[in-house]
N, C-alpha and C. Protein backbone atom coordinates (compact mmCIF):
# COMPACT_ATOMS: atom_id res chain seq x y z
N MET A 1 229.97 51.73 -91.71
CA MET A 1 229.39 52.25 -90.48
C MET A 1 230.37 52.66 -89.46
N SER A 2 230.13 53.98 -88.79
CA SER A 2 231.18 54.50 -87.99
C SER A 2 231.04 53.69 -86.58
N ASN A 3 232.28 53.73 -85.88
CA ASN A 3 232.31 53.00 -84.56
C ASN A 3 231.03 53.44 -83.68
N ARG A 4 230.64 54.89 -83.71
CA ARG A 4 229.54 55.30 -82.92
C ARG A 4 228.28 54.78 -83.42
N SER A 5 228.15 54.75 -84.67
CA SER A 5 226.85 54.18 -85.26
C SER A 5 226.70 52.65 -84.87
N GLU A 6 227.72 52.03 -85.06
CA GLU A 6 227.79 50.57 -84.65
C GLU A 6 227.34 50.28 -83.32
N TYR A 7 228.03 51.17 -82.32
CA TYR A 7 227.87 51.18 -80.95
C TYR A 7 226.40 51.51 -80.46
N ASP A 8 225.85 52.36 -81.22
CA ASP A 8 224.27 52.78 -80.89
C ASP A 8 223.50 51.47 -81.42
N ALA A 9 223.79 51.02 -82.57
CA ALA A 9 223.04 49.66 -83.09
C ALA A 9 223.18 48.59 -82.03
N GLN A 10 224.25 48.42 -81.34
CA GLN A 10 224.49 47.41 -80.38
C GLN A 10 223.51 47.70 -79.04
N LEU A 11 223.49 48.89 -78.74
CA LEU A 11 222.69 49.45 -77.57
C LEU A 11 221.30 49.16 -78.04
N LYS A 12 220.83 49.56 -79.21
CA LYS A 12 219.35 49.27 -79.62
C LYS A 12 219.04 47.99 -79.59
N SER A 13 219.92 47.07 -79.95
CA SER A 13 219.62 45.56 -79.98
C SER A 13 219.61 45.08 -78.70
N LEU A 14 220.48 45.47 -77.67
CA LEU A 14 220.45 45.22 -76.43
C LEU A 14 219.07 45.53 -75.76
N ASN A 15 218.53 46.86 -76.04
CA ASN A 15 217.17 47.17 -75.50
C ASN A 15 216.06 46.19 -76.02
N GLN A 16 216.02 45.87 -77.33
CA GLN A 16 215.17 44.98 -77.88
C GLN A 16 215.30 43.74 -77.22
N SER A 17 216.45 43.13 -76.99
CA SER A 17 216.50 41.96 -76.26
C SER A 17 215.94 41.82 -75.12
N LEU A 18 216.05 42.94 -74.26
CA LEU A 18 215.42 43.09 -72.80
C LEU A 18 213.92 43.18 -73.07
N ILE A 19 213.31 43.84 -73.92
CA ILE A 19 212.15 44.09 -74.22
C ILE A 19 211.49 42.77 -74.57
N ASP A 20 212.24 41.87 -75.54
CA ASP A 20 211.63 40.57 -75.87
C ASP A 20 211.72 39.50 -74.62
N MET A 21 212.48 39.68 -73.82
CA MET A 21 212.73 38.86 -72.49
C MET A 21 211.62 39.35 -71.57
N GLY A 22 211.40 40.51 -71.41
CA GLY A 22 210.11 41.02 -70.55
C GLY A 22 208.89 40.61 -71.00
N ARG A 23 208.65 40.45 -72.26
CA ARG A 23 207.45 39.95 -72.81
C ARG A 23 207.39 38.26 -72.45
N LEU A 24 208.56 37.76 -72.77
CA LEU A 24 208.68 36.25 -72.33
C LEU A 24 208.22 36.00 -70.93
N VAL A 25 208.80 36.88 -70.10
CA VAL A 25 208.72 36.53 -68.51
C VAL A 25 207.18 37.07 -68.08
N THR A 26 206.64 38.02 -68.52
CA THR A 26 205.27 38.37 -68.26
C THR A 26 204.27 37.41 -68.90
N GLY A 27 204.72 36.89 -70.03
CA GLY A 27 203.74 35.80 -70.65
C GLY A 27 203.89 34.44 -69.65
N ALA A 28 204.92 34.21 -69.03
CA ALA A 28 205.02 33.10 -68.25
C ALA A 28 204.18 33.35 -66.95
N VAL A 29 204.39 34.57 -66.55
CA VAL A 29 203.58 34.89 -65.13
C VAL A 29 201.97 34.79 -65.47
N ASP A 30 201.65 35.26 -66.69
CA ASP A 30 200.24 35.22 -67.12
C ASP A 30 199.68 33.94 -67.10
N SER A 31 200.45 32.99 -67.82
CA SER A 31 200.24 31.58 -67.96
C SER A 31 200.14 30.94 -66.61
N ALA A 32 201.13 31.24 -65.82
CA ALA A 32 200.98 30.56 -64.40
C ALA A 32 199.66 31.01 -63.70
N ILE A 33 199.16 32.18 -63.79
CA ILE A 33 198.01 32.65 -63.04
C ILE A 33 196.87 32.09 -63.85
N ASP A 34 196.89 31.84 -65.06
CA ASP A 34 195.79 31.07 -65.63
C ASP A 34 195.83 29.61 -65.11
N ALA A 35 196.95 28.85 -65.14
CA ALA A 35 196.94 27.62 -64.82
C ALA A 35 196.55 27.23 -63.17
N LEU A 36 196.82 28.30 -62.48
CA LEU A 36 196.52 28.41 -61.12
C LEU A 36 194.96 28.44 -61.03
N GLU A 37 194.32 29.43 -61.67
CA GLU A 37 192.99 29.57 -61.56
C GLU A 37 192.25 28.28 -62.09
N GLN A 38 192.79 27.74 -63.05
CA GLN A 38 192.16 26.65 -63.79
C GLN A 38 192.63 25.22 -63.27
N LYS A 39 193.53 25.19 -62.32
CA LYS A 39 194.34 24.15 -61.86
C LYS A 39 194.72 23.10 -63.15
N ASP A 40 195.38 23.92 -64.04
CA ASP A 40 195.69 23.32 -65.26
C ASP A 40 197.19 22.68 -65.29
N ILE A 41 197.11 21.43 -65.07
CA ILE A 41 198.47 20.71 -64.95
C ILE A 41 199.35 20.70 -66.05
N ASP A 42 198.74 20.38 -67.19
CA ASP A 42 199.51 20.42 -68.42
C ASP A 42 200.07 21.86 -68.77
N ARG A 43 199.40 22.84 -68.54
CA ARG A 43 199.90 24.40 -68.83
C ARG A 43 200.97 24.53 -67.78
N ALA A 44 200.78 24.17 -66.46
CA ALA A 44 201.95 24.40 -65.53
C ALA A 44 203.23 23.71 -65.94
N ALA A 45 203.23 22.47 -66.57
CA ALA A 45 204.31 21.75 -66.85
C ALA A 45 204.85 22.43 -68.05
N LYS A 46 204.21 23.09 -69.13
CA LYS A 46 204.83 24.00 -70.01
C LYS A 46 205.53 25.17 -69.48
N ILE A 47 205.02 25.83 -68.40
CA ILE A 47 205.61 26.86 -67.86
C ILE A 47 206.93 26.47 -67.30
N VAL A 48 207.17 25.36 -66.50
CA VAL A 48 208.23 24.80 -65.97
C VAL A 48 209.29 24.68 -67.05
N LYS A 49 208.83 23.97 -68.13
CA LYS A 49 209.96 23.67 -69.13
C LYS A 49 210.17 25.05 -69.89
N GLY A 50 209.43 26.09 -69.98
CA GLY A 50 209.67 27.25 -70.78
C GLY A 50 210.72 28.05 -70.05
N ASP A 51 210.95 27.82 -68.77
CA ASP A 51 211.94 28.70 -68.06
C ASP A 51 213.31 28.43 -68.26
N GLU A 52 213.66 27.40 -69.26
CA GLU A 52 214.88 27.24 -69.85
C GLU A 52 215.25 28.33 -70.79
N ALA A 53 214.21 28.54 -71.62
CA ALA A 53 214.33 29.68 -72.62
C ALA A 53 214.61 31.11 -71.95
N ILE A 54 213.93 31.31 -70.85
CA ILE A 54 214.31 32.61 -70.17
C ILE A 54 215.53 32.43 -69.63
N ASP A 55 216.04 31.46 -69.00
CA ASP A 55 217.59 31.33 -68.59
C ASP A 55 218.53 31.53 -69.61
N ARG A 56 218.21 31.21 -70.84
CA ARG A 56 219.15 31.14 -71.98
C ARG A 56 219.09 32.58 -72.48
N GLU A 57 217.97 33.28 -72.39
CA GLU A 57 218.00 34.62 -72.86
C GLU A 57 218.80 35.53 -71.81
N GLU A 58 218.62 35.22 -70.57
CA GLU A 58 219.45 35.90 -69.42
C GLU A 58 220.82 35.82 -69.79
N ARG A 59 221.45 34.69 -70.01
CA ARG A 59 222.74 34.50 -70.26
C ARG A 59 223.30 35.30 -71.61
N ALA A 60 222.31 35.29 -72.43
CA ALA A 60 222.69 36.04 -73.89
C ALA A 60 222.70 37.45 -73.70
N ILE A 61 221.93 37.87 -72.88
CA ILE A 61 221.96 39.33 -72.60
C ILE A 61 223.13 39.78 -71.78
N GLU A 62 223.37 39.05 -70.73
CA GLU A 62 224.55 39.30 -69.78
C GLU A 62 225.87 39.34 -70.73
N HIS A 63 225.91 38.32 -71.56
CA HIS A 63 227.13 38.34 -72.53
C HIS A 63 227.37 39.57 -73.33
N VAL A 64 226.18 39.99 -73.82
CA VAL A 64 226.27 41.26 -74.59
C VAL A 64 226.65 42.39 -73.70
N CYS A 65 226.07 42.54 -72.67
CA CYS A 65 226.42 43.73 -71.58
C CYS A 65 227.84 43.71 -71.32
N LEU A 66 228.27 42.39 -70.92
CA LEU A 66 229.71 42.34 -70.40
C LEU A 66 230.79 42.68 -71.77
N THR A 67 230.39 42.26 -72.83
CA THR A 67 231.04 42.45 -74.09
C THR A 67 231.08 43.98 -74.23
N LEU A 68 229.95 44.73 -74.20
CA LEU A 68 230.08 46.16 -74.26
C LEU A 68 230.94 46.76 -73.26
N LEU A 69 230.77 46.42 -72.04
CA LEU A 69 231.64 47.01 -70.99
C LEU A 69 232.97 46.89 -71.18
N LEU A 70 233.34 45.67 -71.84
CA LEU A 70 234.90 45.50 -71.85
C LEU A 70 235.57 46.20 -73.15
N LEU A 71 234.71 46.10 -74.30
CA LEU A 71 235.21 46.57 -75.53
C LEU A 71 235.05 47.95 -75.90
N GLN A 72 233.88 48.51 -75.25
CA GLN A 72 233.32 49.99 -75.60
C GLN A 72 233.74 50.79 -74.42
N GLN A 73 233.89 50.25 -73.30
CA GLN A 73 234.13 51.07 -72.06
C GLN A 73 233.26 52.37 -71.91
N PRO A 74 231.98 52.14 -71.92
CA PRO A 74 231.06 53.37 -72.01
C PRO A 74 230.88 54.21 -70.75
N VAL A 75 230.72 55.40 -70.95
CA VAL A 75 230.67 56.43 -69.79
C VAL A 75 229.16 56.98 -69.88
N ALA A 76 229.19 57.89 -68.76
CA ALA A 76 227.94 58.64 -68.61
C ALA A 76 226.64 57.72 -68.77
N ARG A 77 225.73 58.49 -69.72
CA ARG A 77 224.54 57.59 -69.99
C ARG A 77 224.77 56.34 -70.57
N ASP A 78 225.46 56.21 -71.48
CA ASP A 78 225.72 54.91 -72.01
C ASP A 78 226.27 53.93 -70.95
N LEU A 79 226.95 54.15 -70.08
CA LEU A 79 227.46 53.29 -69.02
C LEU A 79 226.18 52.85 -68.03
N ARG A 80 225.17 53.96 -67.90
CA ARG A 80 224.08 53.74 -67.11
C ARG A 80 223.20 52.69 -67.96
N GLN A 81 222.94 52.78 -69.17
CA GLN A 81 222.08 52.03 -70.12
C GLN A 81 222.59 50.60 -69.91
N VAL A 82 223.87 50.42 -70.15
CA VAL A 82 224.39 49.06 -69.96
C VAL A 82 224.19 48.32 -68.60
N SER A 83 224.68 49.22 -67.59
CA SER A 83 224.52 48.77 -66.23
C SER A 83 223.14 48.42 -65.80
N THR A 84 222.14 49.34 -66.41
CA THR A 84 220.77 49.07 -65.99
C THR A 84 220.20 47.81 -66.81
N ALA A 85 220.73 47.38 -67.94
CA ALA A 85 220.50 46.27 -68.56
C ALA A 85 220.87 45.04 -67.77
N LEU A 86 222.07 45.06 -67.22
CA LEU A 86 222.76 44.06 -66.32
C LEU A 86 221.76 43.80 -65.25
N LYS A 87 221.17 44.76 -64.72
CA LYS A 87 220.56 44.80 -63.46
C LYS A 87 219.04 44.14 -63.89
N ILE A 88 218.44 44.65 -64.77
CA ILE A 88 217.08 44.36 -65.02
C ILE A 88 217.04 42.98 -65.53
N VAL A 89 218.03 42.57 -66.20
CA VAL A 89 218.03 41.11 -66.83
C VAL A 89 217.84 40.16 -65.61
N THR A 90 218.62 40.63 -64.56
CA THR A 90 218.51 39.49 -63.27
C THR A 90 217.18 39.56 -62.64
N ASP A 91 216.48 40.85 -62.58
CA ASP A 91 215.21 40.89 -62.05
C ASP A 91 214.07 40.03 -62.81
N LEU A 92 214.28 40.22 -64.13
CA LEU A 92 213.46 39.47 -65.21
C LEU A 92 213.52 38.02 -65.04
N GLU A 93 214.90 37.61 -64.93
CA GLU A 93 214.99 36.09 -64.67
C GLU A 93 214.45 35.62 -63.48
N ARG A 94 214.57 36.37 -62.45
CA ARG A 94 213.97 36.05 -61.04
C ARG A 94 212.47 35.85 -61.17
N ILE A 95 211.80 36.77 -62.03
CA ILE A 95 210.41 36.90 -62.17
C ILE A 95 209.82 35.38 -62.88
N GLY A 96 210.73 35.07 -63.87
CA GLY A 96 210.44 33.94 -64.57
C GLY A 96 210.65 32.72 -63.80
N ASP A 97 211.45 32.76 -62.86
CA ASP A 97 211.74 31.72 -61.83
C ASP A 97 210.60 31.34 -61.06
N HIS A 98 210.05 32.68 -60.51
CA HIS A 98 208.80 32.70 -59.67
C HIS A 98 207.67 32.10 -60.39
N ALA A 99 207.51 32.42 -61.80
CA ALA A 99 206.27 31.94 -62.47
C ALA A 99 206.51 30.33 -62.55
N ALA A 100 207.74 29.90 -62.73
CA ALA A 100 207.97 28.30 -62.73
C ALA A 100 207.69 27.81 -61.48
N ASP A 101 208.21 28.49 -60.37
CA ASP A 101 207.86 27.93 -58.85
C ASP A 101 206.49 27.84 -58.70
N ILE A 102 205.67 28.78 -59.02
CA ILE A 102 204.25 28.46 -58.82
C ILE A 102 203.78 27.56 -59.66
N ALA A 103 204.09 27.45 -60.92
CA ALA A 103 203.72 26.23 -61.72
C ALA A 103 203.99 24.92 -61.14
N GLU A 104 205.17 24.84 -60.49
CA GLU A 104 205.70 23.52 -59.82
C GLU A 104 204.49 23.11 -58.66
N ILE A 105 203.91 24.15 -57.97
CA ILE A 105 202.92 23.79 -57.08
C ILE A 105 201.67 23.25 -57.55
N ILE A 106 201.29 23.93 -58.65
CA ILE A 106 199.86 23.60 -59.16
C ILE A 106 199.45 22.21 -59.20
N PRO A 107 200.21 21.24 -59.56
CA PRO A 107 199.79 19.74 -59.58
C PRO A 107 199.28 19.26 -58.08
N ARG A 108 200.01 19.86 -57.25
CA ARG A 108 199.70 19.41 -55.80
C ARG A 108 198.25 19.97 -55.57
N LEU A 109 197.98 21.27 -55.95
CA LEU A 109 196.70 21.86 -55.61
C LEU A 109 195.59 21.26 -56.38
N ALA A 110 195.91 20.66 -57.59
CA ALA A 110 195.08 20.06 -58.43
C ALA A 110 194.68 18.85 -57.77
N ASP A 111 195.38 18.18 -57.09
CA ASP A 111 195.16 16.77 -56.48
C ASP A 111 194.48 16.77 -55.25
N ASP A 112 194.74 17.86 -54.35
CA ASP A 112 194.15 17.97 -53.15
C ASP A 112 192.64 18.29 -53.03
N GLY A 113 192.12 18.94 -54.24
CA GLY A 113 190.71 19.17 -54.17
C GLY A 113 190.38 20.41 -53.27
N ILE A 114 191.25 21.10 -52.69
CA ILE A 114 190.93 22.22 -51.75
C ILE A 114 190.85 23.46 -52.38
N PRO A 115 189.96 24.29 -52.38
CA PRO A 115 189.76 25.71 -53.02
C PRO A 115 190.97 26.57 -52.81
N VAL A 116 191.41 27.27 -53.70
CA VAL A 116 192.43 28.19 -53.65
C VAL A 116 191.87 29.42 -53.00
N GLU A 117 192.58 29.92 -51.95
CA GLU A 117 192.21 31.18 -51.49
C GLU A 117 191.84 32.26 -52.48
N GLN A 118 190.58 32.82 -52.37
CA GLN A 118 190.19 33.74 -53.53
C GLN A 118 190.91 34.98 -53.71
N ASP A 119 191.54 35.46 -52.60
CA ASP A 119 192.25 36.55 -52.66
C ASP A 119 193.46 36.52 -53.38
N ILE A 120 194.02 35.22 -53.55
CA ILE A 120 195.39 35.05 -54.28
C ILE A 120 195.17 35.70 -55.72
N SER A 121 194.01 35.29 -56.41
CA SER A 121 194.00 35.75 -57.79
C SER A 121 194.08 37.20 -58.01
N PRO A 122 193.35 38.09 -57.31
CA PRO A 122 193.70 39.53 -57.58
C PRO A 122 194.98 40.04 -57.34
N MET A 123 195.50 39.24 -56.23
CA MET A 123 197.04 39.64 -55.84
C MET A 123 197.85 39.30 -57.13
N ALA A 124 197.67 38.21 -57.69
CA ALA A 124 198.53 37.74 -58.82
C ALA A 124 198.44 38.64 -59.81
N HIS A 125 197.19 38.93 -60.25
CA HIS A 125 197.02 39.98 -61.46
C HIS A 125 197.58 41.54 -61.10
N LYS A 126 197.55 41.86 -59.90
CA LYS A 126 198.18 43.09 -59.49
C LYS A 126 199.66 42.87 -59.66
N ALA A 127 200.41 41.92 -59.31
CA ALA A 127 201.84 41.58 -59.29
C ALA A 127 202.09 41.58 -60.83
N LEU A 128 201.38 40.99 -61.68
CA LEU A 128 201.48 40.87 -62.98
C LEU A 128 201.53 42.35 -63.83
N ASP A 129 200.42 43.10 -63.17
CA ASP A 129 200.49 44.51 -63.73
C ASP A 129 201.59 45.36 -63.48
N MET A 130 202.14 45.05 -62.19
CA MET A 130 203.54 45.77 -61.88
C MET A 130 204.37 45.35 -62.83
N ALA A 131 204.66 44.22 -63.14
CA ALA A 131 205.79 43.72 -64.10
C ALA A 131 205.55 44.30 -65.29
N ARG A 132 204.29 44.28 -65.74
CA ARG A 132 204.19 44.92 -67.19
C ARG A 132 204.39 46.29 -67.18
N MET A 133 203.90 47.18 -66.13
CA MET A 133 204.22 48.50 -66.03
C MET A 133 205.65 48.76 -66.03
N ALA A 134 206.29 48.05 -65.29
CA ALA A 134 207.86 48.15 -65.19
C ALA A 134 208.76 48.12 -66.39
N ILE A 135 208.13 47.03 -67.20
CA ILE A 135 208.80 46.93 -68.58
C ILE A 135 208.33 48.04 -69.60
N ASP A 136 207.12 48.53 -69.41
CA ASP A 136 206.57 49.64 -70.17
C ASP A 136 207.38 50.93 -69.94
N ALA A 137 207.78 51.11 -68.64
CA ALA A 137 208.32 52.14 -68.14
C ALA A 137 209.94 52.19 -68.86
N PHE A 138 210.59 50.94 -68.87
CA PHE A 138 211.75 50.93 -69.42
C PHE A 138 211.71 51.14 -70.85
N VAL A 139 210.66 50.73 -71.60
CA VAL A 139 210.56 50.79 -73.08
C VAL A 139 210.48 52.33 -73.34
N ARG A 140 209.62 53.14 -72.53
CA ARG A 140 209.22 54.30 -72.84
C ARG A 140 210.12 55.50 -72.17
N HIS A 141 211.06 54.87 -71.42
CA HIS A 141 211.85 55.83 -70.46
C HIS A 141 210.93 56.77 -69.71
N ASP A 142 209.91 56.09 -68.99
CA ASP A 142 208.87 56.88 -68.33
C ASP A 142 209.10 56.70 -66.86
N MET A 143 209.42 58.07 -66.28
CA MET A 143 209.77 58.14 -64.79
C MET A 143 208.49 57.93 -64.09
N ASP A 144 207.50 58.57 -64.76
CA ASP A 144 206.25 58.58 -63.95
C ASP A 144 205.57 57.14 -63.73
N LEU A 145 205.70 56.42 -64.90
CA LEU A 145 205.34 55.12 -64.72
C LEU A 145 206.05 54.29 -63.77
N ALA A 146 207.43 54.62 -63.81
CA ALA A 146 208.27 53.71 -62.80
C ALA A 146 207.72 54.13 -61.34
N ASP A 147 207.32 55.43 -61.02
CA ASP A 147 206.96 55.85 -59.88
C ASP A 147 205.62 55.02 -59.45
N LYS A 148 204.94 54.67 -60.39
CA LYS A 148 203.54 54.16 -60.06
C LYS A 148 203.89 52.67 -59.91
N VAL A 149 204.80 52.18 -60.35
CA VAL A 149 205.22 50.59 -60.03
C VAL A 149 205.51 50.74 -58.48
N VAL A 150 206.39 51.50 -58.25
CA VAL A 150 206.86 51.69 -56.73
C VAL A 150 205.77 51.93 -55.79
N GLU A 151 205.02 52.76 -56.19
CA GLU A 151 203.73 52.96 -55.25
C GLU A 151 202.71 51.71 -55.14
N ALA A 152 202.58 50.91 -56.42
CA ALA A 152 201.73 49.83 -56.31
C ALA A 152 202.31 48.79 -55.33
N ASP A 153 203.60 48.57 -55.01
CA ASP A 153 204.12 47.69 -54.15
C ASP A 153 203.38 47.39 -52.79
N ASP A 154 202.99 48.46 -52.37
CA ASP A 154 202.00 48.46 -51.01
C ASP A 154 200.97 47.63 -51.12
N ILE A 155 200.32 47.71 -52.46
CA ILE A 155 198.94 47.08 -52.67
C ILE A 155 199.28 45.60 -52.58
N VAL A 156 200.42 45.02 -53.12
CA VAL A 156 200.65 43.68 -53.25
C VAL A 156 201.22 43.26 -51.95
N ASP A 157 201.91 44.00 -51.08
CA ASP A 157 202.26 43.62 -49.85
C ASP A 157 201.02 43.51 -48.92
N ASN A 158 200.12 44.42 -49.07
CA ASN A 158 199.03 44.30 -48.28
C ASN A 158 198.16 43.22 -48.38
N ALA A 159 197.91 42.76 -49.78
CA ALA A 159 197.30 41.70 -50.19
C ALA A 159 197.84 40.38 -49.59
N PHE A 160 199.36 40.43 -49.67
CA PHE A 160 200.06 39.17 -48.94
C PHE A 160 199.54 38.96 -47.61
N ASP A 161 199.62 40.09 -46.78
CA ASP A 161 199.42 40.05 -45.44
C ASP A 161 198.01 39.42 -45.18
N ILE A 162 196.91 39.89 -46.16
CA ILE A 162 195.39 39.35 -45.91
C ILE A 162 195.46 37.96 -46.30
N VAL A 163 196.21 37.50 -47.40
CA VAL A 163 196.13 36.10 -47.81
C VAL A 163 196.90 35.26 -46.64
N LYS A 164 197.86 35.84 -46.17
CA LYS A 164 198.67 35.17 -45.04
C LYS A 164 197.77 34.82 -43.85
N ARG A 165 196.86 35.81 -43.47
CA ARG A 165 196.17 35.81 -42.32
C ARG A 165 194.98 34.73 -42.54
N LYS A 166 194.34 34.74 -43.80
CA LYS A 166 193.26 33.78 -44.04
C LYS A 166 193.97 32.42 -44.08
N LEU A 167 194.88 32.32 -44.63
CA LEU A 167 195.56 30.73 -44.83
C LEU A 167 196.06 30.38 -43.45
N ALA A 168 196.35 31.25 -42.49
CA ALA A 168 196.59 30.89 -41.26
C ALA A 168 195.50 30.07 -40.42
N LYS A 169 194.29 30.49 -40.80
CA LYS A 169 193.18 29.88 -40.00
C LYS A 169 192.98 28.48 -40.69
N ARG A 170 193.48 28.12 -41.97
CA ARG A 170 193.32 26.83 -42.21
C ARG A 170 194.35 25.65 -41.68
N MET A 171 195.29 26.22 -40.84
CA MET A 171 196.45 25.59 -40.20
C MET A 171 195.72 24.64 -39.04
N VAL A 172 194.50 25.02 -38.76
CA VAL A 172 193.93 24.24 -37.48
C VAL A 172 193.00 23.13 -38.16
N GLY A 173 193.02 22.94 -39.40
CA GLY A 173 192.25 21.87 -40.17
C GLY A 173 192.98 20.57 -40.18
N THR A 174 192.48 19.77 -41.28
CA THR A 174 193.08 18.47 -41.54
C THR A 174 194.46 18.57 -41.92
N GLU A 175 195.18 17.63 -42.04
CA GLU A 175 196.65 17.58 -42.65
C GLU A 175 196.60 18.02 -44.09
N ALA A 176 195.66 17.55 -44.75
CA ALA A 176 195.65 18.07 -46.16
C ALA A 176 195.38 19.49 -46.28
N ALA A 177 194.47 20.04 -45.40
CA ALA A 177 194.21 21.37 -45.51
C ALA A 177 195.48 22.29 -45.05
N GLN A 178 196.14 21.67 -44.21
CA GLN A 178 197.50 22.45 -43.74
C GLN A 178 198.39 22.30 -44.81
N ASP A 179 198.62 21.15 -45.66
CA ASP A 179 199.60 21.16 -46.60
C ASP A 179 199.28 22.13 -47.78
N SER A 180 197.86 22.23 -48.02
CA SER A 180 197.41 23.08 -49.11
C SER A 180 197.66 24.54 -48.82
N ALA A 181 197.46 24.92 -47.50
CA ALA A 181 197.56 26.30 -47.00
C ALA A 181 199.02 26.76 -47.16
N ILE A 182 200.05 25.68 -46.82
CA ILE A 182 201.57 26.16 -47.10
C ILE A 182 201.87 26.25 -48.44
N ASP A 183 201.22 25.41 -49.27
CA ASP A 183 201.51 25.48 -50.81
C ASP A 183 200.88 26.85 -51.27
N GLN A 184 199.66 27.26 -50.87
CA GLN A 184 199.16 28.50 -51.29
C GLN A 184 199.80 29.79 -50.72
N LEU A 185 200.54 29.58 -49.45
CA LEU A 185 201.13 30.65 -48.77
C LEU A 185 202.46 30.71 -49.68
N MET A 186 203.17 29.55 -50.29
CA MET A 186 204.27 29.87 -50.99
C MET A 186 204.02 30.47 -52.28
N ILE A 187 202.89 30.13 -52.92
CA ILE A 187 202.54 30.92 -54.06
C ILE A 187 202.37 32.39 -53.79
N ALA A 188 201.59 32.73 -52.72
CA ALA A 188 201.36 34.23 -52.52
C ALA A 188 202.77 34.99 -52.21
N LYS A 189 203.62 34.21 -51.66
CA LYS A 189 205.15 34.79 -51.40
C LYS A 189 205.83 34.83 -52.80
N TYR A 190 205.62 34.01 -53.60
CA TYR A 190 206.33 34.26 -55.09
C TYR A 190 205.69 35.33 -55.59
N LEU A 191 204.36 35.55 -55.46
CA LEU A 191 203.83 36.71 -56.15
C LEU A 191 204.16 38.08 -55.55
N GLU A 192 204.41 38.05 -54.13
CA GLU A 192 205.02 39.27 -53.70
C GLU A 192 206.29 39.62 -54.04
N ARG A 193 207.12 38.45 -54.39
CA ARG A 193 208.40 38.73 -54.86
C ARG A 193 208.56 39.38 -56.25
N ILE A 194 207.60 38.76 -57.13
CA ILE A 194 207.36 39.26 -58.46
C ILE A 194 207.24 40.78 -58.30
N GLY A 195 206.31 41.00 -57.41
CA GLY A 195 206.10 42.73 -57.30
C GLY A 195 207.34 43.33 -56.83
N ASP A 196 208.01 42.80 -55.97
CA ASP A 196 209.39 43.39 -55.63
C ASP A 196 210.54 43.38 -56.75
N HIS A 197 210.49 42.45 -57.53
CA HIS A 197 211.37 42.57 -58.74
C HIS A 197 210.88 43.53 -59.65
N ALA A 198 209.63 43.83 -60.01
CA ALA A 198 209.10 44.91 -60.74
C ALA A 198 209.46 46.15 -60.26
N VAL A 199 209.53 46.41 -58.74
CA VAL A 199 210.10 47.55 -58.13
C VAL A 199 211.49 47.79 -58.39
N ASN A 200 212.19 46.80 -58.56
CA ASN A 200 213.70 46.82 -58.61
C ASN A 200 213.83 47.40 -60.17
N ILE A 201 213.19 46.88 -60.97
CA ILE A 201 213.15 47.21 -62.42
C ILE A 201 212.77 48.62 -62.50
N ALA A 202 211.81 49.24 -61.87
CA ALA A 202 211.35 50.48 -62.01
C ALA A 202 212.31 51.35 -61.44
N GLU A 203 213.05 51.08 -60.37
CA GLU A 203 214.26 52.00 -59.68
C GLU A 203 215.28 51.94 -60.64
N TRP A 204 215.68 50.87 -61.43
CA TRP A 204 216.80 50.89 -62.15
C TRP A 204 216.38 51.88 -63.69
N VAL A 205 215.25 51.75 -63.98
CA VAL A 205 214.66 52.58 -65.15
C VAL A 205 215.07 54.09 -64.57
N LYS A 206 214.55 54.30 -63.45
CA LYS A 206 214.86 55.80 -62.90
C LYS A 206 216.42 56.10 -62.84
N PHE A 207 217.08 55.13 -62.46
CA PHE A 207 218.66 55.17 -62.31
C PHE A 207 219.16 55.53 -63.93
N CYS A 208 218.65 54.81 -64.76
CA CYS A 208 218.97 55.01 -66.06
C CYS A 208 218.84 56.41 -66.68
N GLU A 209 217.80 56.93 -66.33
CA GLU A 209 217.39 58.38 -66.66
C GLU A 209 218.11 59.43 -65.83
N THR A 210 218.39 59.12 -64.55
CA THR A 210 218.90 60.24 -63.71
C THR A 210 220.23 59.98 -63.14
N GLY A 211 220.61 58.62 -62.95
CA GLY A 211 221.79 58.43 -62.30
C GLY A 211 221.74 58.23 -60.98
N ILE A 212 220.48 58.09 -60.39
CA ILE A 212 220.23 58.21 -59.13
C ILE A 212 219.30 56.73 -58.83
N TYR A 213 219.93 56.13 -57.82
CA TYR A 213 219.26 54.92 -57.47
C TYR A 213 218.79 54.83 -56.11
N ARG A 214 217.46 54.74 -55.95
CA ARG A 214 216.94 54.83 -54.39
C ARG A 214 217.40 56.01 -53.67
N GLU A 215 217.33 57.14 -54.21
CA GLU A 215 217.86 58.44 -53.68
C GLU A 215 219.13 58.69 -53.45
N GLU A 216 220.06 57.86 -54.15
CA GLU A 216 221.45 57.83 -53.97
C GLU A 216 222.10 58.07 -55.47
N ARG A 217 223.01 59.23 -55.53
CA ARG A 217 223.53 59.23 -56.93
C ARG A 217 224.78 58.16 -57.07
N ILE A 218 224.60 57.43 -58.24
CA ILE A 218 225.65 56.56 -58.38
C ILE A 218 226.45 56.87 -59.56
N VAL A 219 226.11 57.23 -60.74
CA VAL A 219 226.76 57.60 -62.06
C VAL A 219 226.06 58.83 -62.45
């Protein structure tokens, strides 16, 4: 195998690792949403434990990226591809962290017996959709799909504002109601951050294709 062929194989393997990690992360978010809706403590515990696998995958991908940068010294599109992978893997890891963060709160919500604000569920599913679209945009090198992810961020941000206002009204209730409202607000904030990380991934997908990140040419 020629040096170029071997290098191309390494890049292909790197991309597949990112895709696999993306599926792992979105699976964790999906499970966290289900656990929240069902107040399923056992499932929540599995999500928290599963975050270790996501962290290991992040470290493995970072190692591959840094090895490629040091040994191959890529330029032009190859450099953008490796740089994009380094950025995306960080956002994927953070999405996984937020899934675990949500899961850690679920046992308290299960114990307090207070209903979860109904607008949190559609917000959660929209944030998950954004993460999935961002990963699909990466897989397909799809600029239009990446743009749709960026546009969808306003929907999640607006949903967060609505949830925040509704939960604020619970702060005049009992201490248990106040504690539950704070926990639910934290969940909504984690969901908003998942949307933000999906936007970051989408922006890096566009950078990989164009060399432009958030309207600024980098490479």
